[in-house]
C-alpha atoms as a PDB file:
ATOM      1  CA  UNK A   1       0.223  -0.031  -0.348  1.00  0.00           C
ATOM      2  CA  UNK A   2       1.513   3.480  -1.044  1.00  0.00           C
ATOM      3  CA  UNK A   3       0.845   5.780   1.615  1.00  0.00           C
ATOM      4  CA  UNK A   4      -1.052   9.379   0.360  1.00  0.00           C
ATOM      5  CA  UNK A   5       2.533  11.073   1.665  1.00  0.00           C
ATOM      6  CA  UNK A   6       4.782   9.629  -0.495  1.00  0.00           C
ATOM      7  CA  UNK A   7       7.139  11.377  -3.257  1.00  0.00           C
ATOM      8  CA  UNK A   8       7.929   8.493  -5.353  1.00  0.00           C
ATOM      9  CA  UNK A   9       6.871   5.105  -5.774  1.00  0.00           C
ATOM     10  CA  UNK A  10       9.657   2.389  -7.069  1.00  0.00           C
ATOM     11  CA  UNK A  11       7.369  -0.745  -8.948  1.00  0.00           C
ATOM     12  CA  UNK A  12       9.980  -3.509  -8.980  1.00  0.00           C
ATOM     13  CA  UNK A  13      10.610  -6.064 -11.370  1.00  0.00           C
ATOM     14  CA  UNK A  14      10.073  -8.800  -8.677  1.00  0.00           C
ATOM     15  CA  UNK A  15       6.759 -10.326  -8.007  1.00  0.00           C
ATOM     16  CA  UNK A  16       5.603 -10.581  -3.961  1.00  0.00           C
ATOM     17  CA  UNK A  17       7.013 -14.319  -4.332  1.00  0.00           C
ATOM     18  CA  UNK A  18      10.341 -12.988  -5.246  1.00  0.00           C
ATOM     19  CA  UNK A  19      10.137 -14.312  -9.317  1.00  0.00           C
ATOM     20  CA  UNK A  20      11.589 -11.713 -12.365  1.00  0.00           C
ATOM     21  CA  UNK A  21       8.805 -10.215 -14.037  1.00  0.00           C
ATOM     22  CA  UNK A  22       8.234 -10.701 -17.371  1.00  0.00           C
ATOM     23  CA  UNK A  23       8.778  -9.710 -20.756  1.00  0.00           C
ATOM     24  CA  UNK A  24      12.379  -8.100 -19.981  1.00  0.00           C
ATOM     25  CA  UNK A  25      10.916  -4.952 -21.147  1.00  0.00           C
ATOM     26  CA  UNK A  26       7.837  -4.091 -19.249  1.00  0.00           C
ATOM     27  CA  UNK A  27       9.217  -1.469 -17.472  1.00  0.00           C
ATOM     28  CA  UNK A  28      10.111   0.265 -21.033  1.00  0.00           C
ATOM     29  CA  UNK A  29       6.319  -0.445 -21.972  1.00  0.00           C
ATOM     30  CA  UNK A  30       5.082   0.818 -19.131  1.00  0.00           C
ATOM     31  CA  UNK A  31       6.994   4.111 -19.057  1.00  0.00           C
ATOM     32  CA  UNK A  32       5.973   4.195 -22.939  1.00  0.00           C
ATOM     33  CA  UNK A  33       2.188   4.076 -22.381  1.00  0.00           C
ATOM     34  CA  UNK A  34       2.404   6.859 -19.369  1.00  0.00           C
ATOM     35  CA  UNK A  35       4.599   9.235 -21.914  1.00  0.00           C
ATOM     36  CA  UNK A  36       1.806  11.909 -22.682  1.00  0.00           C
ATOM     37  CA  UNK A  37       1.283  12.361 -18.821  1.00  0.00           C
ATOM     38  CA  UNK A  38       3.600  15.424 -18.158  1.00  0.00           C
ATOM     39  CA  UNK A  39       4.313  18.676 -16.878  1.00  0.00           C
ATOM     40  CA  UNK A  40       2.143  21.093 -19.000  1.00  0.00           C
ATOM     41  CA  UNK A  41       0.121  18.314 -20.682  1.00  0.00           C
ATOM     42  CA  UNK A  42       0.866  16.201 -23.819  1.00  0.00           C
ATOM     43  CA  UNK A  43       3.024  17.762 -26.459  1.00  0.00           C
ATOM     44  CA  UNK A  44       3.891  17.429 -29.848  1.00  0.00           C
ATOM     45  CA  UNK A  45       6.645  14.705 -29.936  1.00  0.00           C
ATOM     46  CA  UNK A  46       6.140  13.651 -26.402  1.00  0.00           C
ATOM     47  CA  UNK A  47       5.502   9.786 -27.493  1.00  0.00           C
ATOM     48  CA  UNK A  48       9.699  10.373 -28.098  1.00  0.00           C
ATOM     49  CA  UNK A  49      10.677  10.780 -24.726  1.00  0.00           C
ATOM     50  CA  UNK A  50       9.162   9.054 -21.348  1.00  0.00           C
ATOM     51  CA  UNK A  51       7.562  11.709 -19.051  1.00  0.00           C
ATOM     52  CA  UNK A  52       9.742  12.443 -15.805  1.00  0.00           C
ATOM     53  CA  UNK A  53       6.558  11.482 -13.930  1.00  0.00           C
ATOM     54  CA  UNK A  54       6.981   8.158 -15.113  1.00  0.00           C
ATOM     55  CA  UNK A  55      10.774   6.748 -15.700  1.00  0.00           C
ATOM     56  CA  UNK A  56      12.399   3.222 -16.244  1.00  0.00           C
ATOM     57  CA  UNK A  57      15.669   2.624 -14.749  1.00  0.00           C
ATOM     58  CA  UNK A  58      17.437  -0.106 -13.214  1.00  0.00           C
ATOM     59  CA  UNK A  59      18.105  -0.505  -9.509  1.00  0.00           C
ATOM     60  CA  UNK A  60      20.642  -3.008  -8.173  1.00  0.00           C
ATOM     61  CA  UNK A  61      20.108  -4.898 -11.171  1.00  0.00           C
ATOM     62  CA  UNK A  62      16.433  -5.180 -11.162  1.00  0.00           C
ATOM     63  CA  UNK A  63      14.259  -3.252 -13.645  1.00  0.00           C
ATOM     64  CA  UNK A  64      12.159  -0.630 -11.732  1.00  0.00           C
ATOM     65  CA  UNK A  65       9.725   2.195 -12.746  1.00  0.00           C
ATOM     66  CA  UNK A  66       9.953   5.275 -10.567  1.00  0.00           C
ATOM     67  CA  UNK A  67       6.712   7.008 -10.512  1.00  0.00           C
ATOM     68  CA  UNK A  68       6.625  10.143  -9.075  1.00  0.00           C
ATOM     69  CA  UNK A  69       3.772  11.464  -6.860  1.00  0.00           C
ATOM     70  CA  UNK A  70       3.325  14.682  -9.457  1.00  0.00           C
ATOM     71  CA  UNK A  71       1.460  11.940 -11.691  1.00  0.00           C
ATOM     72  CA  UNK A  72      -1.022  11.394  -8.941  1.00  0.00           C
ATOM     73  CA  UNK A  73      -1.822  15.151  -8.745  1.00  0.00           C
ATOM     74  CA  UNK A  74      -1.730  15.956 -12.232  1.00  0.00           C
ATOM     75  CA  UNK A  75      -3.869  12.735 -13.488  1.00  0.00           C
ATOM     76  CA  UNK A  76      -5.241  10.326 -10.636  1.00  0.00           C
ATOM     77  CA  UNK A  77      -6.529   8.120 -13.678  1.00  0.00           C
ATOM     78  CA  UNK A  78      -3.403   7.681 -15.095  1.00  0.00           C
ATOM     79  CA  UNK A  79      -2.041   7.205 -11.354  1.00  0.00           C
ATOM     80  CA  UNK A  80      -4.428   4.320 -10.618  1.00  0.00           C
ATOM     81  CA  UNK A  81      -3.279   2.491 -13.964  1.00  0.00           C
ATOM     82  CA  UNK A  82      -0.156   2.416 -12.730  1.00  0.00           C
ATOM     83  CA  UNK A  83      -0.503   1.355  -9.407  1.00  0.00           C
ATOM     84  CA  UNK A  84      -3.399  -1.172 -10.713  1.00  0.00           C
ATOM     85  CA  UNK A  85      -0.363  -2.770 -13.213  1.00  0.00           C
ATOM     86  CA  UNK A  86       1.541  -3.152 -10.194  1.00  0.00           C
ATOM     87  CA  UNK A  87      -1.111  -5.004  -8.282  1.00  0.00           C
ATOM     88  CA  UNK A  88      -2.655  -6.642 -10.960  1.00  0.00           C
ATOM     89  CA  UNK A  89       0.825  -8.239 -11.827  1.00  0.00           C
ATOM     90  CA  UNK A  90       1.624  -8.895  -8.252  1.00  0.00           C
ATOM     91  CA  UNK A  91       4.675  -6.886  -8.338  1.00  0.00           C
ATOM     92  CA  UNK A  92       6.952  -5.592  -5.396  1.00  0.00           C
ATOM     93  CA  UNK A  93       6.472  -1.308  -4.841  1.00  0.00           C
ATOM     94  CA  UNK A  94       8.323   0.802  -2.500  1.00  0.00           C
ATOM     95  CA  UNK A  95       7.871   4.062  -1.337  1.00  0.00           C
ATOM     96  CA  UNK A  96      11.758   5.794  -1.844  1.00  0.00           C
ATOM     97  CA  UNK A  97      13.059   8.901  -3.135  1.00  0.00           C
ATOM     98  CA  UNK A  98      15.986   9.041  -5.549  1.00  0.00           C
ATOM     99  CA  UNK A  99      19.183  10.852  -4.912  1.00  0.00           C
ATOM    100  CA  UNK A 100      20.587  12.940  -7.798  1.00  0.00           C
ATOM    101  CA  UNK A 101      24.526  12.001  -8.433  1.00  0.00           C
ATOM    102  CA  UNK A 102      26.249  14.295  -6.035  1.00  0.00           C
ATOM    103  CA  UNK A 103      28.491  17.095  -8.208  1.00  0.00           C
ATOM    104  CA  UNK A 104      31.374  18.493  -6.300  1.00  0.00           C
ATOM    105  CA  UNK A 105      31.646  22.218  -5.501  1.00  0.00           C
ATOM    106  CA  UNK A 106      33.458  24.352  -8.363  1.00  0.00           C
ATOM    107  CA  UNK A 107      36.166  25.142  -6.457  1.00  0.00           C
ATOM    108  CA  UNK A 108      37.117  21.348  -5.734  1.00  0.00           C
ATOM    109  CA  UNK A 109      36.624  20.461  -9.742  1.00  0.00           C
ATOM    110  CA  UNK A 110      39.925  22.942 -10.575  1.00  0.00           C
END
């Protein structure tokens, strides 16, 4: 269950019983379906890139989709679609937060 205060949700490509979810490109497919849900709404050519609210990635060797709570705020039906996909396929879901790569201060890069 995802709490209302969650900022990001990670849908992991591992089922509740520990099996790897198939097909192997499930994360890219799910994120592709969600590509038009983005800040400012769909744009021409938005089908050519992932939405910043629903991004496929690999974490510790496991395919995942990182879903931002901003999707829920902007389009609750799209949020429900993604969460129902995870539930219907018995996928593990975790509340978490991606931490951006640290960039050293400018003076230490000299």
